[in-house]
């Protein structure tokens, strides 16, 4: 089994002072790629000697990887980008499920 998810996200935060006037904004861009792959199987044996008696075994292994790149830009109240502060976030993640 293979599942894939690609996600692109754009976000704007508007900041305000206590009196309600604008105090700048932040823009955020995020790209995320998520993949899940794995397999499972089962085996069942019915016993002829005992009606309705059986043994069943189920086993599986799944892995999910996630890669995320995120960037943030900050603008002052006049709409000018604050070039002395920029954030970049890179994340790699691996999850495993065993049955």
PDB file of N, CA and C in Angstrom:
ATOM      1  N   UNK A   1       0.841  -1.166   0.000  1.00  0.00           N
ATOM      2  CA  UNK A   1       0.000   0.000   0.000  1.00  0.00           C
ATOM      3  C   UNK A   1       0.895   1.242   0.000  1.00  0.00           C
ATOM      4  N   UNK A   2       0.511   2.226  -0.775  1.00  0.00           N
ATOM      5  CA  UNK A   2       1.237   3.496  -0.824  1.00  0.00           C
ATOM      6  C   UNK A   2       0.217   4.628  -0.846  1.00  0.00           C
ATOM      7  N   UNK A   3       0.340   5.540   0.106  1.00  0.00           N
ATOM      8  CA  UNK A   3      -0.513   6.724   0.170  1.00  0.00           C
ATOM      9  C   UNK A   3       0.373   7.956   0.120  1.00  0.00           C
ATOM     10  N   UNK A   4      -0.082   8.987  -0.557  1.00  0.00           N
ATOM     11  CA  UNK A   4       0.687  10.222  -0.646  1.00  0.00           C
ATOM     12  C   UNK A   4      -0.180  11.439  -0.387  1.00  0.00           C
ATOM     13  N   UNK A   5       0.404  12.445   0.244  1.00  0.00           N
ATOM     14  CA  UNK A   5      -0.288  13.702   0.508  1.00  0.00           C
ATOM     15  C   UNK A   5       0.695  14.844   0.296  1.00  0.00           C
ATOM     16  N   UNK A   6       0.358  15.769  -0.576  1.00  0.00           N
ATOM     17  CA  UNK A   6       1.142  16.985  -0.789  1.00  0.00           C
ATOM     18  C   UNK A   6       0.271  18.166  -0.385  1.00  0.00           C
ATOM     19  N   UNK A   7       0.822  19.018   0.458  1.00  0.00           N
ATOM     20  CA  UNK A   7       0.041  20.132   0.999  1.00  0.00           C
ATOM     21  C   UNK A   7       0.834  21.430   0.864  1.00  0.00           C
ATOM     22  N   UNK A   8       0.214  22.452   0.301  1.00  0.00           N
ATOM     23  CA  UNK A   8       0.786  23.802   0.209  1.00  0.00           C
ATOM     24  C   UNK A   8      -0.114  24.734   0.993  1.00  0.00           C
ATOM     25  N   UNK A   9       0.499  25.539   1.856  1.00  0.00           N
ATOM     26  CA  UNK A   9      -0.289  26.399   2.730  1.00  0.00           C
ATOM     27  C   UNK A   9       0.308  27.812   2.732  1.00  0.00           C
ATOM     28  N   UNK A  10      -0.534  28.816   2.567  1.00  0.00           N
ATOM     29  CA  UNK A  10      -0.147  30.229   2.678  1.00  0.00           C
ATOM     30  C   UNK A  10      -0.986  30.851   3.787  1.00  0.00           C
ATOM     31  N   UNK A  11      -0.333  31.600   4.665  1.00  0.00           N
ATOM     32  CA  UNK A  11      -1.058  32.190   5.797  1.00  0.00           C
ATOM     33  C   UNK A  11      -0.564  33.623   6.010  1.00  0.00           C
ATOM     34  N   UNK A  12      -1.508  34.523   6.336  1.00  0.00           N
ATOM     35  CA  UNK A  12      -1.181  35.914   6.680  1.00  0.00           C
ATOM     36  C   UNK A  12      -1.762  36.208   8.060  1.00  0.00           C
ATOM     37  N   UNK A  13      -0.924  36.739   8.943  1.00  0.00           N
ATOM     38  CA  UNK A  13      -1.371  37.192  10.264  1.00  0.00           C
ATOM     39  C   UNK A  13      -1.279  38.711  10.288  1.00  0.00           C
ATOM     40  N   UNK A  14      -2.382  39.366  10.606  1.00  0.00           N
ATOM     41  CA  UNK A  14      -2.384  40.817  10.764  1.00  0.00           C
ATOM     42  C   UNK A  14      -2.276  41.128  12.244  1.00  0.00           C
ATOM     43  N   UNK A  15      -1.374  42.051  12.596  1.00  0.00           N
ATOM     44  CA  UNK A  15      -1.162  42.414  13.996  1.00  0.00           C
ATOM     45  C   UNK A  15      -1.759  43.789  14.266  1.00  0.00           C
ATOM     46  N   UNK A  16      -2.330  43.927  15.463  1.00  0.00           N
ATOM     47  CA  UNK A  16      -2.975  45.188  15.844  1.00  0.00           C
ATOM     48  C   UNK A  16      -2.509  45.613  17.226  1.00  0.00           C
ATOM     49  N   UNK A  17      -2.477  46.916  17.418  1.00  0.00           N
ATOM     50  CA  UNK A  17      -2.187  47.480  18.744  1.00  0.00           C
ATOM     51  C   UNK A  17      -3.461  47.453  19.581  1.00  0.00           C
ATOM     52  N   UNK A  18      -3.341  47.759  20.863  1.00  0.00           N
ATOM     53  CA  UNK A  18      -4.500  47.749  21.770  1.00  0.00           C
ATOM     54  C   UNK A  18      -5.589  48.725  21.314  1.00  0.00           C
ATOM     55  N   UNK A  19      -5.207  49.834  20.651  1.00  0.00           N
ATOM     56  CA  UNK A  19      -6.200  50.817  20.206  1.00  0.00           C
ATOM     57  C   UNK A  19      -6.846  50.443  18.867  1.00  0.00           C
ATOM     58  N   UNK A  20      -6.464  49.286  18.296  1.00  0.00           N
ATOM     59  CA  UNK A  20      -7.070  48.824  17.059  1.00  0.00           C
ATOM     60  C   UNK A  20      -6.329  49.205  15.797  1.00  0.00           C
ATOM     61  N   UNK A  21      -5.290  50.017  15.904  1.00  0.00           N
ATOM     62  CA  UNK A  21      -4.541  50.398  14.709  1.00  0.00           C
ATOM     63  C   UNK A  21      -3.613  49.257  14.285  1.00  0.00           C
ATOM     64  N   UNK A  22      -3.331  49.221  12.990  1.00  0.00           N
ATOM     65  CA  UNK A  22      -2.480  48.169  12.445  1.00  0.00           C
ATOM     66  C   UNK A  22      -1.059  48.248  12.965  1.00  0.00           C
ATOM     67  N   UNK A  23      -0.449  47.058  13.177  1.00  0.00           N
ATOM     68  CA  UNK A  23       0.909  47.011  13.696  1.00  0.00           C
ATOM     69  C   UNK A  23       1.761  46.038  12.886  1.00  0.00           C
ATOM     70  N   UNK A  24       1.432  45.875  11.618  1.00  0.00           N
ATOM     71  CA  UNK A  24       2.240  45.011  10.761  1.00  0.00           C
ATOM     72  C   UNK A  24       1.556  43.680  10.481  1.00  0.00           C
ATOM     73  N   UNK A  25       2.314  42.816   9.824  1.00  0.00           N
ATOM     74  CA  UNK A  25       1.775  41.502   9.459  1.00  0.00           C
ATOM     75  C   UNK A  25       2.914  40.501   9.294  1.00  0.00           C
ATOM     76  N   UNK A  26       2.547  39.241   9.229  1.00  0.00           N
ATOM     77  CA  UNK A  26       3.488  38.159   8.968  1.00  0.00           C
ATOM     78  C   UNK A  26       2.890  37.270   7.887  1.00  0.00           C
ATOM     79  N   UNK A  27       3.705  36.881   6.928  1.00  0.00           N
ATOM     80  CA  UNK A  27       3.262  35.908   5.931  1.00  0.00           C
ATOM     81  C   UNK A  27       4.033  34.613   6.145  1.00  0.00           C
ATOM     82  N   UNK A  28       3.354  33.515   5.937  1.00  0.00           N
ATOM     83  CA  UNK A  28       3.966  32.215   6.152  1.00  0.00           C
ATOM     84  C   UNK A  28       3.627  31.319   4.961  1.00  0.00           C
ATOM     85  N   UNK A  29       4.631  30.649   4.442  1.00  0.00           N
ATOM     86  CA  UNK A  29       4.475  29.724   3.326  1.00  0.00           C
ATOM     87  C   UNK A  29       4.980  28.370   3.788  1.00  0.00           C
ATOM     88  N   UNK A  30       4.178  27.316   3.548  1.00  0.00           N
ATOM     89  CA  UNK A  30       4.571  25.977   3.994  1.00  0.00           C
ATOM     90  C   UNK A  30       4.286  24.959   2.901  1.00  0.00           C
ATOM     91  N   UNK A  31       5.261  24.103   2.626  1.00  0.00           N
ATOM     92  CA  UNK A  31       5.079  22.975   1.720  1.00  0.00           C
ATOM     93  C   UNK A  31       5.349  21.706   2.517  1.00  0.00           C
ATOM     94  N   UNK A  32       4.410  20.748   2.422  1.00  0.00           N
ATOM     95  CA  UNK A  32       4.533  19.503   3.172  1.00  0.00           C
ATOM     96  C   UNK A  32       4.303  18.323   2.234  1.00  0.00           C
ATOM     97  N   UNK A  33       5.147  17.303   2.380  1.00  0.00           N
ATOM     98  CA  UNK A  33       5.029  16.082   1.596  1.00  0.00           C
ATOM     99  C   UNK A  33       4.999  14.910   2.573  1.00  0.00           C
ATOM    100  N   UNK A  34       3.940  14.107   2.496  1.00  0.00           N
ATOM    101  CA  UNK A  34       3.766  12.994   3.426  1.00  0.00           C
ATOM    102  C   UNK A  34       3.534  11.717   2.624  1.00  0.00           C
ATOM    103  N   UNK A  35       4.266  10.658   2.967  1.00  0.00           N
ATOM    104  CA  UNK A  35       4.140   9.371   2.290  1.00  0.00           C
ATOM    105  C   UNK A  35       3.981   8.266   3.331  1.00  0.00           C
ATOM    106  N   UNK A  36       3.018   7.383   3.101  1.00  0.00           N
ATOM    107  CA  UNK A  36       2.815   6.206   3.942  1.00  0.00           C
ATOM    108  C   UNK A  36       2.905   4.983   3.046  1.00  0.00           C
ATOM    109  N   UNK A  37       3.726   4.034   3.447  1.00  0.00           N
ATOM    110  CA  UNK A  37       3.830   2.797   2.691  1.00  0.00           C
ATOM    111  C   UNK A  37       4.018   1.633   3.654  1.00  0.00           C
ATOM    112  N   UNK A  38       3.583   0.480   3.216  1.00  0.00           N
ATOM    113  CA  UNK A  38       3.706  -0.700   4.054  1.00  0.00           C
ATOM    114  C   UNK A  38       2.866  -1.839   3.522  1.00  0.00           C
ATOM    115  N   UNK A  39       2.840  -2.904   4.291  1.00  0.00           N
ATOM    116  CA  UNK A  39       2.098  -4.088   3.892  1.00  0.00           C
ATOM    117  C   UNK A  39       1.642  -4.838   5.132  1.00  0.00           C
ATOM    118  N   UNK A  40       0.598  -5.607   4.950  1.00  0.00           N
ATOM    119  CA  UNK A  40       0.136  -6.473   6.024  1.00  0.00           C
ATOM    120  C   UNK A  40      -0.362  -7.773   5.400  1.00  0.00           C
ATOM    121  N   UNK A  41      -0.388  -8.795   6.213  1.00  0.00           N
ATOM    122  CA  UNK A  41      -0.861 -10.084   5.728  1.00  0.00           C
ATOM    123  C   UNK A  41      -1.472 -10.870   6.871  1.00  0.00           C
ATOM    124  N   UNK A  42      -2.257 -11.841   6.511  1.00  0.00           N
ATOM    125  CA  UNK A  42      -2.863 -12.668   7.548  1.00  0.00           C
ATOM    126  C   UNK A  42      -2.872 -14.119   7.095  1.00  0.00           C
ATOM    127  N   UNK A  43      -2.931 -15.016   8.063  1.00  0.00           N
ATOM    128  CA  UNK A  43      -2.998 -16.451   7.818  1.00  0.00           C
ATOM    129  C   UNK A  43      -4.000 -17.035   8.794  1.00  0.00           C
ATOM    130  N   UNK A  44      -4.825 -17.940   8.304  1.00  0.00           N
ATOM    131  CA  UNK A  44      -5.842 -18.560   9.161  1.00  0.00           C
ATOM    132  C   UNK A  44      -5.863 -20.063   8.902  1.00  0.00           C
ATOM    133  N   UNK A  45      -5.971 -20.814   9.976  1.00  0.00           N
ATOM    134  CA  UNK A  45      -6.093 -22.270   9.879  1.00  0.00           C
ATOM    135  C   UNK A  45      -7.323 -22.712  10.668  1.00  0.00           C
ATOM    136  N   UNK A  46      -8.220 -23.427  10.010  1.00  0.00           N
ATOM    137  CA  UNK A  46      -9.410 -23.996  10.663  1.00  0.00           C
ATOM    138  C   UNK A  46      -9.108 -25.447  11.028  1.00  0.00           C
ATOM    139  N   UNK A  47      -9.429 -25.804  12.255  1.00  0.00           N
ATOM    140  CA  UNK A  47      -9.204 -27.168  12.718  1.00  0.00           C
ATOM    141  C   UNK A  47     -10.412 -28.040  12.379  1.00  0.00           C
ATOM    142  N   UNK A  48     -10.163 -29.122  11.654  1.00  0.00           N
ATOM    143  CA  UNK A  48     -11.243 -30.038  11.279  1.00  0.00           C
ATOM    144  C   UNK A  48     -11.773 -30.807  12.478  1.00  0.00           C
ATOM    145  N   UNK A  49     -10.905 -31.083  13.441  1.00  0.00           N
ATOM    146  CA  UNK A  49     -11.303 -31.893  14.602  1.00  0.00           C
ATOM    147  C   UNK A  49     -12.289 -31.142  15.504  1.00  0.00           C
ATOM    148  N   UNK A  50     -12.169 -29.825  15.549  1.00  0.00           N
ATOM    149  CA  UNK A  50     -13.056 -29.019  16.400  1.00  0.00           C
ATOM    150  C   UNK A  50     -13.821 -28.038  15.519  1.00  0.00           C
ATOM    151  N   UNK A  51     -15.082 -28.179  15.467  1.00  0.00           N
ATOM    152  CA  UNK A  51     -15.924 -27.327  14.617  1.00  0.00           C
ATOM    153  C   UNK A  51     -15.900 -25.898  15.171  1.00  0.00           C
ATOM    154  N   UNK A  52     -15.577 -24.956  14.318  1.00  0.00           N
ATOM    155  CA  UNK A  52     -15.550 -23.546  14.710  1.00  0.00           C
ATOM    156  C   UNK A  52     -14.251 -23.090  15.334  1.00  0.00           C
ATOM    157  N   UNK A  53     -13.306 -24.010  15.563  1.00  0.00           N
ATOM    158  CA  UNK A  53     -12.013 -23.626  16.152  1.00  0.00           C
ATOM    159  C   UNK A  53     -11.035 -23.259  15.052  1.00  0.00           C
ATOM    160  N   UNK A  54     -10.329 -22.162  15.252  1.00  0.00           N
ATOM    161  CA  UNK A  54      -9.350 -21.727  14.249  1.00  0.00           C
ATOM    162  C   UNK A  54      -8.262 -20.901  14.919  1.00  0.00           C
ATOM    163  N   UNK A  55      -7.176 -20.734  14.204  1.00  0.00           N
ATOM    164  CA  UNK A  55      -6.068 -19.873  14.619  1.00  0.00           C
ATOM    165  C   UNK A  55      -5.838 -18.877  13.489  1.00  0.00           C
ATOM    166  N   UNK A  56      -5.700 -17.616  13.843  1.00  0.00           N
ATOM    167  CA  UNK A  56      -5.456 -16.587  12.827  1.00  0.00           C
ATOM    168  C   UNK A  56      -4.303 -15.707  13.273  1.00  0.00           C
ATOM    169  N   UNK A  57      -3.413 -15.393  12.340  1.00  0.00           N
ATOM    170  CA  UNK A  57      -2.255 -14.537  12.605  1.00  0.00           C
ATOM    171  C   UNK A  57      -2.308 -13.360  11.642  1.00  0.00           C
ATOM    172  N   UNK A  58      -2.117 -12.165  12.172  1.00  0.00           N
ATOM    173  CA  UNK A  58      -2.095 -10.937  11.375  1.00  0.00           C
ATOM    174  C   UNK A  58      -0.794 -10.210  11.670  1.00  0.00           C
ATOM    175  N   UNK A  59      -0.083  -9.797  10.637  1.00  0.00           N
ATOM    176  CA  UNK A  59       1.173  -9.070  10.812  1.00  0.00           C
ATOM    177  C   UNK A  59       1.256  -7.964   9.758  1.00  0.00           C
ATOM    178  N   UNK A  60       1.907  -6.881  10.114  1.00  0.00           N
ATOM    179  CA  UNK A  60       2.064  -5.781   9.169  1.00  0.00           C
ATOM    180  C   UNK A  60       3.102  -4.791   9.646  1.00  0.00           C
ATOM    181  N   UNK A  61       3.546  -3.969   8.718  1.00  0.00           N
ATOM    182  CA  UNK A  61       4.529  -2.937   9.016  1.00  0.00           C
ATOM    183  C   UNK A  61       4.234  -1.746   8.109  1.00  0.00           C
ATOM    184  N   UNK A  62       4.056  -0.570   8.687  1.00  0.00           N
ATOM    185  CA  UNK A  62       3.777   0.649   7.927  1.00  0.00           C
ATOM    186  C   UNK A  62       4.735   1.747   8.374  1.00  0.00           C
ATOM    187  N   UNK A  63       5.168   2.554   7.434  1.00  0.00           N
ATOM    188  CA  UNK A  63       6.061   3.692   7.715  1.00  0.00           C
ATOM    189  C   UNK A  63       5.467   4.948   7.088  1.00  0.00           C
ATOM    190  N   UNK A  64       5.544   6.034   7.811  1.00  0.00           N
ATOM    191  CA  UNK A  64       5.096   7.324   7.298  1.00  0.00           C
ATOM    192  C   UNK A  64       6.256   8.309   7.392  1.00  0.00           C
ATOM    193  N   UNK A  65       6.577   8.943   6.285  1.00  0.00           N
ATOM    194  CA  UNK A  65       7.604   9.982   6.275  1.00  0.00           C
ATOM    195  C   UNK A  65       6.932  11.312   5.972  1.00  0.00           C
ATOM    196  N   UNK A  66       7.455  12.359   6.570  1.00  0.00           N
ATOM    197  CA  UNK A  66       6.907  13.698   6.356  1.00  0.00           C
ATOM    198  C   UNK A  66       8.059  14.679   6.241  1.00  0.00           C
ATOM    199  N   UNK A  67       8.033  15.481   5.188  1.00  0.00           N
ATOM    200  CA  UNK A  67       9.022  16.542   4.981  1.00  0.00           C
ATOM    201  C   UNK A  67       8.273  17.860   4.908  1.00  0.00           C
ATOM    202  N   UNK A  68       8.732  18.823   5.683  1.00  0.00           N
ATOM    203  CA  UNK A  68       8.035  20.107   5.734  1.00  0.00           C
ATOM    204  C   UNK A  68       9.058  21.230   5.642  1.00  0.00           C
ATOM    205  N   UNK A  69       8.801  22.183   4.750  1.00  0.00           N
ATOM    206  CA  UNK A  69       9.598  23.409   4.613  1.00  0.00           C
ATOM    207  C   UNK A  69       8.674  24.588   4.874  1.00  0.00           C
ATOM    208  N   UNK A  70       9.098  25.461   5.777  1.00  0.00           N
ATOM    209  CA  UNK A  70       8.260  26.598   6.149  1.00  0.00           C
ATOM    210  C   UNK A  70       9.121  27.854   6.190  1.00  0.00           C
ATOM    211  N   UNK A  71       8.597  28.942   5.646  1.00  0.00           N
ATOM    212  CA  UNK A  71       9.284  30.231   5.680  1.00  0.00           C
ATOM    213  C   UNK A  71       8.338  31.320   6.161  1.00  0.00           C
ATOM    214  N   UNK A  72       8.872  32.262   6.937  1.00  0.00           N
ATOM    215  CA  UNK A  72       8.047  33.351   7.484  1.00  0.00           C
ATOM    216  C   UNK A  72       8.718  34.686   7.186  1.00  0.00           C
ATOM    217  N   UNK A  73       7.926  35.638   6.680  1.00  0.00           N
ATOM    218  CA  UNK A  73       8.393  37.008   6.428  1.00  0.00           C
ATOM    219  C   UNK A  73       7.582  37.956   7.292  1.00  0.00           C
ATOM    220  N   UNK A  74       8.241  38.995   7.806  1.00  0.00           N
ATOM    221  CA  UNK A  74       7.590  39.926   8.727  1.00  0.00           C
ATOM    222  C   UNK A  74       7.598  41.332   8.117  1.00  0.00           C
ATOM    223  N   UNK A  75       6.430  42.008   8.213  1.00  0.00           N
ATOM    224  CA  UNK A  75       6.271  43.353   7.657  1.00  0.00           C
ATOM    225  C   UNK A  75       5.854  44.307   8.779  1.00  0.00           C
ATOM    226  N   UNK A  76       6.370  45.538   8.727  1.00  0.00           N
ATOM    227  CA  UNK A  76       5.990  46.528   9.741  1.00  0.00           C
ATOM    228  C   UNK A  76       4.647  47.162   9.394  1.00  0.00           C
ATOM    229  N   UNK A  77       4.218  48.107  10.197  1.00  0.00           N
ATOM    230  CA  UNK A  77       2.903  48.729  10.020  1.00  0.00           C
ATOM    231  C   UNK A  77       2.773  49.457   8.680  1.00  0.00           C
ATOM    232  N   UNK A  78       3.884  49.918   8.120  1.00  0.00           N
ATOM    233  CA  UNK A  78       3.857  50.616   6.827  1.00  0.00           C
ATOM    234  C   UNK A  78       3.863  49.633   5.650  1.00  0.00           C
ATOM    235  N   UNK A  79       3.966  48.342   5.936  1.00  0.00           N
ATOM    236  CA  UNK A  79       3.964  47.341   4.878  1.00  0.00           C
ATOM    237  C   UNK A  79       5.337  47.012   4.332  1.00  0.00           C
ATOM    238  N   UNK A  80       6.383  47.529   4.979  1.00  0.00           N
ATOM    239  CA  UNK A  80       7.759  47.276   4.537  1.00  0.00           C
ATOM    240  C   UNK A  80       8.288  46.033   5.239  1.00  0.00           C
ATOM    241  N   UNK A  81       8.911  45.161   4.450  1.00  0.00           N
ATOM    242  CA  UNK A  81       9.437  43.924   5.023  1.00  0.00           C
ATOM    243  C   UNK A  81      10.579  44.202   5.998  1.00  0.00           C
ATOM    244  N   UNK A  82      10.521  43.553   7.143  1.00  0.00           N
ATOM    245  CA  UNK A  82      11.583  43.661   8.133  1.00  0.00           C
ATOM    246  C   UNK A  82      12.660  42.664   7.732  1.00  0.00           C
ATOM    247  N   UNK A  83      13.734  43.160   7.140  1.00  0.00           N
ATOM    248  CA  UNK A  83      14.751  42.268   6.575  1.00  0.00           C
ATOM    249  C   UNK A  83      15.730  41.744   7.617  1.00  0.00           C
ATOM    250  N   UNK A  84      15.680  42.275   8.837  1.00  0.00           N
ATOM    251  CA  UNK A  84      16.610  41.788   9.854  1.00  0.00           C
ATOM    252  C   UNK A  84      16.077  40.556  10.581  1.00  0.00           C
ATOM    253  N   UNK A  85      14.885  40.105  10.216  1.00  0.00           N
ATOM    254  CA  UNK A  85      14.327  38.914  10.855  1.00  0.00           C
ATOM    255  C   UNK A  85      13.567  38.092   9.815  1.00  0.00           C
ATOM    256  N   UNK A  86      14.012  36.863   9.609  1.00  0.00           N
ATOM    257  CA  UNK A  86      13.367  35.930   8.697  1.00  0.00           C
ATOM    258  C   UNK A  86      13.493  34.544   9.297  1.00  0.00           C
ATOM    259  N   UNK A  87      12.428  33.773   9.288  1.00  0.00           N
ATOM    260  CA  UNK A  87      12.454  32.437   9.877  1.00  0.00           C
ATOM    261  C   UNK A  87      12.299  31.376   8.794  1.00  0.00           C
ATOM    262  N   UNK A  88      13.096  30.329   8.901  1.00  0.00           N
ATOM    263  CA  UNK A  88      12.979  29.165   8.034  1.00  0.00           C
ATOM    264  C   UNK A  88      12.941  27.938   8.927  1.00  0.00           C
ATOM    265  N   UNK A  89      12.006  27.055   8.661  1.00  0.00           N
ATOM    266  CA  UNK A  89      11.869  25.835   9.452  1.00  0.00           C
ATOM    267  C   UNK A  89      11.842  24.645   8.503  1.00  0.00           C
ATOM    268  N   UNK A  90      12.739  23.685   8.727  1.00  0.00           N
ATOM    269  CA  UNK A  90      12.791  22.468   7.929  1.00  0.00           C
ATOM    270  C   UNK A  90      12.620  21.294   8.878  1.00  0.00           C
ATOM    271  N   UNK A  91      11.683  20.405   8.556  1.00  0.00           N
ATOM    272  CA  UNK A  91      11.377  19.296   9.457  1.00  0.00           C
ATOM    273  C   UNK A  91      11.288  17.996   8.661  1.00  0.00           C
ATOM    274  N   UNK A  92      11.967  16.958   9.145  1.00  0.00           N
ATOM    275  CA  UNK A  92      11.852  15.602   8.608  1.00  0.00           C
ATOM    276  C   UNK A  92      11.372  14.702   9.726  1.00  0.00           C
ATOM    277  N   UNK A  93      10.366  13.881   9.441  1.00  0.00           N
ATOM    278  CA  UNK A  93       9.754  13.063  10.481  1.00  0.00           C
ATOM    279  C   UNK A  93       9.519  11.657   9.951  1.00  0.00           C
ATOM    280  N   UNK A  94       9.670  10.650  10.812  1.00  0.00           N
ATOM    281  CA  UNK A  94       9.421   9.259  10.447  1.00  0.00           C
ATOM    282  C   UNK A  94       8.606   8.612  11.544  1.00  0.00           C
ATOM    283  N   UNK A  95       7.476   8.013  11.182  1.00  0.00           N
ATOM    284  CA  UNK A  95       6.632   7.269  12.119  1.00  0.00           C
ATOM    285  C   UNK A  95       6.556   5.829  11.633  1.00  0.00           C
ATOM    286  N   UNK A  96       6.523   4.894  12.586  1.00  0.00           N
ATOM    287  CA  UNK A  96       6.400   3.468  12.256  1.00  0.00           C
ATOM    288  C   UNK A  96       5.246   2.854  13.025  1.00  0.00           C
ATOM    289  N   UNK A  97       4.521   1.958  12.357  1.00  0.00           N
ATOM    290  CA  UNK A  97       3.447   1.193  13.006  1.00  0.00           C
ATOM    291  C   UNK A  97       3.701  -0.272  12.710  1.00  0.00           C
ATOM    292  N   UNK A  98       3.735  -1.075  13.741  1.00  0.00           N
ATOM    293  CA  UNK A  98       3.923  -2.527  13.588  1.00  0.00           C
ATOM    294  C   UNK A  98       2.683  -3.232  14.108  1.00  0.00           C
ATOM    295  N   UNK A  99       2.185  -4.165  13.352  1.00  0.00           N
ATOM    296  CA  UNK A  99       1.040  -4.969  13.786  1.00  0.00           C
ATOM    297  C   UNK A  99       1.518  -6.327  14.229  1.00  0.00           C
TER     298      UNK A  99
END
